Amino acid sequence: MNLFSDKPNFHKNNILYNISDGIDCFVVFEILRFYNKILVVLRDDVRLERFSKSLNTLNSKLNIIEFPS
């Protein structure tokens, strides 16, 4: 799945928000094709656990650091 045809041009003030549950980890996975490090903030521990498991399923070699609220 390729969500972006070219390298996304993000600046410090660019924020992706209101991404549906389930689609969010695919978007992050696609962004990781272009960038080595990104920061993802989720609103609660339930979403954090779901997101981490989903992203780990897509690529088990990713280094995910979790800071629960």
PDB file of N, CA and C in Angstrom:
ATOM      1  N   MET A   1       0.844  -1.174   0.000  1.00  0.00           N
ATOM      2  CA  MET A   1       0.000   0.000   0.000  1.00  0.00           C
ATOM      3  C   MET A   1       0.887   1.234   0.000  1.00  0.00           C
ATOM      4  N   ASN A   2       0.679   2.130  -0.933  1.00  0.00           N
ATOM      5  CA  ASN A   2       1.419   3.385  -0.991  1.00  0.00           C
ATOM      6  C   ASN A   2       0.442   4.542  -0.859  1.00  0.00           C
ATOM      7  N   LEU A   3       0.453   5.180   0.305  1.00  0.00           N
ATOM      8  CA  LEU A   3      -0.430   6.327   0.524  1.00  0.00           C
ATOM      9  C   LEU A   3       0.155   7.600  -0.058  1.00  0.00           C
ATOM     10  N   PHE A   4       1.487   7.676  -0.134  1.00  0.00           N
ATOM     11  CA  PHE A   4       2.158   8.871  -0.624  1.00  0.00           C
ATOM     12  C   PHE A   4       2.987   8.497  -1.845  1.00  0.00           C
ATOM     13  N   SER A   5       2.807   9.211  -2.941  1.00  0.00           N
ATOM     14  CA  SER A   5       3.588   8.914  -4.142  1.00  0.00           C
ATOM     15  C   SER A   5       4.963   9.561  -4.071  1.00  0.00           C
ATOM     16  N   ASP A   6       5.063  10.690  -3.403  1.00  0.00           N
ATOM     17  CA  ASP A   6       6.332  11.387  -3.219  1.00  0.00           C
ATOM     18  C   ASP A   6       6.605  11.531  -1.733  1.00  0.00           C
ATOM     19  N   LYS A   7       7.828  11.902  -1.401  1.00  0.00           N
ATOM     20  CA  LYS A   7       8.175  12.113  -0.006  1.00  0.00           C
ATOM     21  C   LYS A   7       7.313  13.237   0.566  1.00  0.00           C
ATOM     22  N   PRO A   8       6.579  12.967   1.650  1.00  0.00           N
ATOM     23  CA  PRO A   8       5.761  14.019   2.259  1.00  0.00           C
ATOM     24  C   PRO A   8       6.647  15.143   2.783  1.00  0.00           C
ATOM     25  N   ASN A   9       6.193  16.362   2.612  1.00  0.00           N
ATOM     26  CA  ASN A   9       6.947  17.526   3.044  1.00  0.00           C
ATOM     27  C   ASN A   9       6.355  18.025   4.357  1.00  0.00           C
ATOM     28  N   PHE A  10       6.936  17.562   5.462  1.00  0.00           N
ATOM     29  CA  PHE A  10       6.457  17.957   6.781  1.00  0.00           C
ATOM     30  C   PHE A  10       7.389  18.990   7.384  1.00  0.00           C
ATOM     31  N   HIS A  11       6.809  19.906   8.088  1.00  0.00           N
ATOM     32  CA  HIS A  11       7.550  20.903   8.844  1.00  0.00           C
ATOM     33  C   HIS A  11       7.158  20.730  10.307  1.00  0.00           C
ATOM     34  N   LYS A  12       7.807  21.440  11.199  1.00  0.00           N
ATOM     35  CA  LYS A  12       7.513  21.299  12.627  1.00  0.00           C
ATOM     36  C   LYS A  12       6.048  21.576  12.951  1.00  0.00           C
ATOM     37  N   ASN A  13       5.412  22.426  12.191  1.00  0.00           N
ATOM     38  CA  ASN A  13       4.040  22.795  12.512  1.00  0.00           C
ATOM     39  C   ASN A  13       3.001  21.923  11.807  1.00  0.00           C
ATOM     40  N   ASN A  14       3.431  20.911  11.044  1.00  0.00           N
ATOM     41  CA  ASN A  14       2.486  20.013  10.383  1.00  0.00           C
ATOM     42  C   ASN A  14       2.066  18.904  11.334  1.00  0.00           C
ATOM     43  N   ILE A  15       0.760  18.740  11.477  1.00  0.00           N
ATOM     44  CA  ILE A  15       0.208  17.728  12.365  1.00  0.00           C
ATOM     45  C   ILE A  15      -0.886  16.980  11.607  1.00  0.00           C
ATOM     46  N   LEU A  16      -0.849  15.666  11.694  1.00  0.00           N
ATOM     47  CA  LEU A  16      -1.948  14.860  11.165  1.00  0.00           C
ATOM     48  C   LEU A  16      -2.862  14.540  12.336  1.00  0.00           C
ATOM     49  N   TYR A  17      -4.145  14.791  12.195  1.00  0.00           N
ATOM     50  CA  TYR A  17      -5.078  14.517  13.274  1.00  0.00           C
ATOM     51  C   TYR A  17      -6.389  14.032  12.704  1.00  0.00           C
ATOM     52  N   ASN A  18      -7.222  13.502  13.580  1.00  0.00           N
ATOM     53  CA  ASN A  18      -8.519  12.939  13.204  1.00  0.00           C
ATOM     54  C   ASN A  18      -8.394  11.793  12.208  1.00  0.00           C
ATOM     55  N   ILE A  19      -7.338  10.999  12.341  1.00  0.00           N
ATOM     56  CA  ILE A  19      -7.176   9.826  11.497  1.00  0.00           C
ATOM     57  C   ILE A  19      -7.920   8.682  12.186  1.00  0.00           C
ATOM     58  N   SER A  20      -8.710   7.966  11.442  1.00  0.00           N
ATOM     59  CA  SER A  20      -9.536   6.892  12.011  1.00  0.00           C
ATOM     60  C   SER A  20      -8.696   5.802  12.648  1.00  0.00           C
ATOM     61  N   ASP A  21      -9.236   5.201  13.713  1.00  0.00           N
ATOM     62  CA  ASP A  21      -8.569   4.068  14.353  1.00  0.00           C
ATOM     63  C   ASP A  21      -8.406   2.954  13.330  1.00  0.00           C
ATOM     64  N   GLY A  22      -7.253   2.352  13.319  1.00  0.00           N
ATOM     65  CA  GLY A  22      -6.971   1.286  12.361  1.00  0.00           C
ATOM     66  C   GLY A  22      -6.228   1.790  11.147  1.00  0.00           C
ATOM     67  N   ILE A  23      -6.596   2.970  10.669  1.00  0.00           N
ATOM     68  CA  ILE A  23      -5.905   3.564   9.519  1.00  0.00           C
ATOM     69  C   ILE A  23      -4.646   4.283  10.001  1.00  0.00           C
ATOM     70  N   ASP A  24      -4.652   4.742  11.248  1.00  0.00           N
ATOM     71  CA  ASP A  24      -3.547   5.533  11.771  1.00  0.00           C
ATOM     72  C   ASP A  24      -2.204   4.816  11.685  1.00  0.00           C
ATOM     73  N   CYS A  25      -2.166   3.535  12.018  1.00  0.00           N
ATOM     74  CA  CYS A  25      -0.870   2.854  11.986  1.00  0.00           C
ATOM     75  C   CYS A  25      -0.406   2.631  10.552  1.00  0.00           C
ATOM     76  N   PHE A  26      -1.320   2.487   9.591  1.00  0.00           N
ATOM     77  CA  PHE A  26      -0.914   2.391   8.185  1.00  0.00           C
ATOM     78  C   PHE A  26      -0.307   3.710   7.702  1.00  0.00           C
ATOM     79  N   VAL A  27      -0.883   4.821   8.131  1.00  0.00           N
ATOM     80  CA  VAL A  27      -0.341   6.131   7.755  1.00  0.00           C
ATOM     81  C   VAL A  27       1.065   6.297   8.325  1.00  0.00           C
ATOM     82  N   VAL A  28       1.247   5.959   9.594  1.00  0.00           N
ATOM     83  CA  VAL A  28       2.570   6.062  10.225  1.00  0.00           C
ATOM     84  C   VAL A  28       3.552   5.119   9.542  1.00  0.00           C
ATOM     85  N   PHE A  29       3.118   3.916   9.223  1.00  0.00           N
ATOM     86  CA  PHE A  29       3.977   2.952   8.546  1.00  0.00           C
ATOM     87  C   PHE A  29       4.444   3.494   7.193  1.00  0.00           C
ATOM     88  N   GLU A  30       3.559   4.148   6.461  1.00  0.00           N
ATOM     89  CA  GLU A  30       3.924   4.750   5.173  1.00  0.00           C
ATOM     90  C   GLU A  30       4.878   5.928   5.359  1.00  0.00           C
ATOM     91  N   ILE A  31       4.649   6.753   6.364  1.00  0.00           N
ATOM     92  CA  ILE A  31       5.535   7.892   6.628  1.00  0.00           C
ATOM     93  C   ILE A  31       6.934   7.401   6.992  1.00  0.00           C
ATOM     94  N   LEU A  32       7.012   6.268   7.696  1.00  0.00           N
ATOM     95  CA  LEU A  32       8.306   5.708   8.081  1.00  0.00           C
ATOM     96  C   LEU A  32       9.131   5.244   6.872  1.00  0.00           C
ATOM     97  N   ARG A  33       8.508   5.105   5.715  1.00  0.00           N
ATOM     98  CA  ARG A  33       9.273   4.790   4.507  1.00  0.00           C
ATOM     99  C   ARG A  33      10.180   5.956   4.129  1.00  0.00           C
ATOM    100  N   PHE A  34       9.827   7.169   4.529  1.00  0.00           N
ATOM    101  CA  PHE A  34      10.560   8.364   4.138  1.00  0.00           C
ATOM    102  C   PHE A  34      11.373   8.976   5.268  1.00  0.00           C
ATOM    103  N   TYR A  35      10.986   8.726   6.512  1.00  0.00           N
ATOM    104  CA  TYR A  35      11.648   9.338   7.662  1.00  0.00           C
ATOM    105  C   TYR A  35      12.088   8.263   8.645  1.00  0.00           C
ATOM    106  N   ASN A  36      13.240   8.447   9.278  1.00  0.00           N
ATOM    107  CA  ASN A  36      13.762   7.466  10.232  1.00  0.00           C
ATOM    108  C   ASN A  36      13.090   7.554  11.597  1.00  0.00           C
ATOM    109  N   LYS A  37      12.765   8.750  12.030  1.00  0.00           N
ATOM    110  CA  LYS A  37      12.200   8.954  13.366  1.00  0.00           C
ATOM    111  C   LYS A  37      10.964   9.827  13.271  1.00  0.00           C
ATOM    112  N   ILE A  38       9.925   9.410  13.960  1.00  0.00           N
ATOM    113  CA  ILE A  38       8.726  10.239  14.051  1.00  0.00           C
ATOM    114  C   ILE A  38       8.173  10.131  15.471  1.00  0.00           C
ATOM    115  N   LEU A  39       7.344  11.078  15.837  1.00  0.00           N
ATOM    116  CA  LEU A  39       6.681  11.093  17.130  1.00  0.00           C
ATOM    117  C   LEU A  39       5.182  10.963  16.896  1.00  0.00           C
ATOM    118  N   VAL A  40       4.575  10.014  17.591  1.00  0.00           N
ATOM    119  CA  VAL A  40       3.131   9.812  17.495  1.00  0.00           C
ATOM    120  C   VAL A  40       2.557   9.975  18.893  1.00  0.00           C
ATOM    121  N   VAL A  41       1.546  10.807  19.029  1.00  0.00           N
ATOM    122  CA  VAL A  41       0.880  11.015  20.312  1.00  0.00           C
ATOM    123  C   VAL A  41      -0.541  10.490  20.182  1.00  0.00           C
ATOM    124  N   LEU A  42      -0.892   9.579  21.083  1.00  0.00           N
ATOM    125  CA  LEU A  42      -2.232   9.002  21.100  1.00  0.00           C
ATOM    126  C   LEU A  42      -2.939   9.436  22.375  1.00  0.00           C
ATOM    127  N   ARG A  43      -4.248   9.422  22.355  1.00  0.00           N
ATOM    128  CA  ARG A  43      -4.986  10.041  23.449  1.00  0.00           C
ATOM    129  C   ARG A  43      -5.144   9.203  24.702  1.00  0.00           C
ATOM    130  N   ASP A  44      -4.966   7.868  24.624  1.00  0.00           N
ATOM    131  CA  ASP A  44      -5.087   7.058  25.837  1.00  0.00           C
ATOM    132  C   ASP A  44      -4.307   5.757  25.701  1.00  0.00           C
ATOM    133  N   ASP A  45      -4.222   5.029  26.823  1.00  0.00           N
ATOM    134  CA  ASP A  45      -3.432   3.798  26.870  1.00  0.00           C
ATOM    135  C   ASP A  45      -4.021   2.696  26.001  1.00  0.00           C
ATOM    136  N   VAL A  46      -5.333   2.657  25.844  1.00  0.00           N
ATOM    137  CA  VAL A  46      -5.975   1.640  25.007  1.00  0.00           C
ATOM    138  C   VAL A  46      -5.532   1.805  23.563  1.00  0.00           C
ATOM    139  N   ARG A  47      -5.547   3.041  23.071  1.00  0.00           N
ATOM    140  CA  ARG A  47      -5.106   3.306  21.693  1.00  0.00           C
ATOM    141  C   ARG A  47      -3.606   3.041  21.539  1.00  0.00           C
ATOM    142  N   LEU A  48      -2.839   3.369  22.572  1.00  0.00           N
ATOM    143  CA  LEU A  48      -1.402   3.126  22.537  1.00  0.00           C
ATOM    144  C   LEU A  48      -1.102   1.641  22.382  1.00  0.00           C
ATOM    145  N   GLU A  49      -1.779   0.811  23.147  1.00  0.00           N
ATOM    146  CA  GLU A  49      -1.560  -0.634  23.065  1.00  0.00           C
ATOM    147  C   GLU A  49      -1.971  -1.176  21.694  1.00  0.00           C
ATOM    148  N   ARG A  50      -3.143  -0.764  21.195  1.00  0.00           N
ATOM    149  CA  ARG A  50      -3.617  -1.207  19.888  1.00  0.00           C
ATOM    150  C   ARG A  50      -2.672  -0.773  18.785  1.00  0.00           C
ATOM    151  N   PHE A  51      -2.251   0.485  18.851  1.00  0.00           N
ATOM    152  CA  PHE A  51      -1.370   1.055  17.838  1.00  0.00           C
ATOM    153  C   PHE A  51      -0.020   0.335  17.823  1.00  0.00           C
ATOM    154  N   SER A  52       0.561   0.114  18.987  1.00  0.00           N
ATOM    155  CA  SER A  52       1.853  -0.563  19.080  1.00  0.00           C
ATOM    156  C   SER A  52       1.788  -1.981  18.532  1.00  0.00           C
ATOM    157  N   LYS A  53       0.739  -2.707  18.894  1.00  0.00           N
ATOM    158  CA  LYS A  53       0.588  -4.074  18.398  1.00  0.00           C
ATOM    159  C   LYS A  53       0.406  -4.086  16.879  1.00  0.00           C
ATOM    160  N   SER A  54      -0.399  -3.174  16.359  1.00  0.00           N
ATOM    161  CA  SER A  54      -0.639  -3.121  14.916  1.00  0.00           C
ATOM    162  C   SER A  54       0.632  -2.759  14.157  1.00  0.00           C
ATOM    163  N   LEU A  55       1.357  -1.779  14.651  1.00  0.00           N
ATOM    164  CA  LEU A  55       2.594  -1.362  13.985  1.00  0.00           C
ATOM    165  C   LEU A  55       3.651  -2.457  14.071  1.00  0.00           C
ATOM    166  N   ASN A  56       3.705  -3.139  15.195  1.00  0.00           N
ATOM    167  CA  ASN A  56       4.646  -4.245  15.356  1.00  0.00           C
ATOM    168  C   ASN A  56       4.305  -5.397  14.412  1.00  0.00           C
ATOM    169  N   THR A  57       3.021  -5.592  14.122  1.00  0.00           N
ATOM    170  CA  THR A  57       2.603  -6.614  13.172  1.00  0.00           C
ATOM    171  C   THR A  57       3.073  -6.269  11.766  1.00  0.00           C
ATOM    172  N   LEU A  58       3.023  -4.995  11.414  1.00  0.00           N
ATOM    173  CA  LEU A  58       3.465  -4.561  10.086  1.00  0.00           C
ATOM    174  C   LEU A  58       4.972  -4.675   9.918  1.00  0.00           C
ATOM    175  N   ASN A  59       5.723  -4.358  10.989  1.00  0.00           N
ATOM    176  CA  ASN A  59       7.182  -4.460  10.941  1.00  0.00           C
ATOM    177  C   ASN A  59       7.704  -4.705  12.352  1.00  0.00           C
ATOM    178  N   SER A  60       8.099  -5.938  12.619  1.00  0.00           N
ATOM    179  CA  SER A  60       8.539  -6.301  13.972  1.00  0.00           C
ATOM    180  C   SER A  60       9.912  -5.741  14.323  1.00  0.00           C
ATOM    181  N   LYS A  61      10.624  -5.169  13.353  1.00  0.00           N
ATOM    182  CA  LYS A  61      11.960  -4.617  13.615  1.00  0.00           C
ATOM    183  C   LYS A  61      11.935  -3.155  14.046  1.00  0.00           C
ATOM    184  N   LEU A  62      10.759  -2.553  14.085  1.00  0.00           N
ATOM    185  CA  LEU A  62      10.653  -1.148  14.500  1.00  0.00           C
ATOM    186  C   LEU A  62      10.935  -1.013  15.988  1.00  0.00           C
ATOM    187  N   ASN A  63      11.615   0.062  16.340  1.00  0.00           N
ATOM    188  CA  ASN A  63      11.877   0.365  17.742  1.00  0.00           C
ATOM    189  C   ASN A  63      10.795   1.319  18.226  1.00  0.00           C
ATOM    190  N   ILE A  64       9.883   0.817  19.023  1.00  0.00           N
ATOM    191  CA  ILE A  64       8.761   1.610  19.523  1.00  0.00           C
ATOM    192  C   ILE A  64       8.988   1.873  21.009  1.00  0.00           C
ATOM    193  N   ILE A  65       9.014   3.130  21.377  1.00  0.00           N
ATOM    194  CA  ILE A  65       9.184   3.520  22.774  1.00  0.00           C
ATOM    195  C   ILE A  65       7.842   4.074  23.241  1.00  0.00           C
ATOM    196  N   GLU A  66       7.293   3.465  24.268  1.00  0.00           N
ATOM    197  CA  GLU A  66       5.972   3.861  24.771  1.00  0.00           C
ATOM    198  C   GLU A  66       6.113   4.633  26.070  1.00  0.00           C
ATOM    199  N   PHE A  67       5.393   5.733  26.165  1.00  0.00           N
ATOM    200  CA  PHE A  67       5.300   6.519  27.394  1.00  0.00           C
ATOM    201  C   PHE A  67       3.828   6.621  27.750  1.00  0.00           C
ATOM    202  N   PRO A  68       3.312   5.688  28.566  1.00  0.00           N
ATOM    203  CA  PRO A  68       1.891   5.733  28.910  1.00  0.00           C
ATOM    204  C   PRO A  68       1.545   6.986  29.709  1.00  0.00           C
ATOM    205  N   SER A  69       0.303   7.409  29.556  1.00  0.00           N
ATOM    206  CA  SER A  69      -0.141   8.612  30.270  1.00  0.00           C
ATOM    207  C   SER A  69      -0.445   8.332  31.708  1.00  0.00           C
TER     208      SER A  69
END
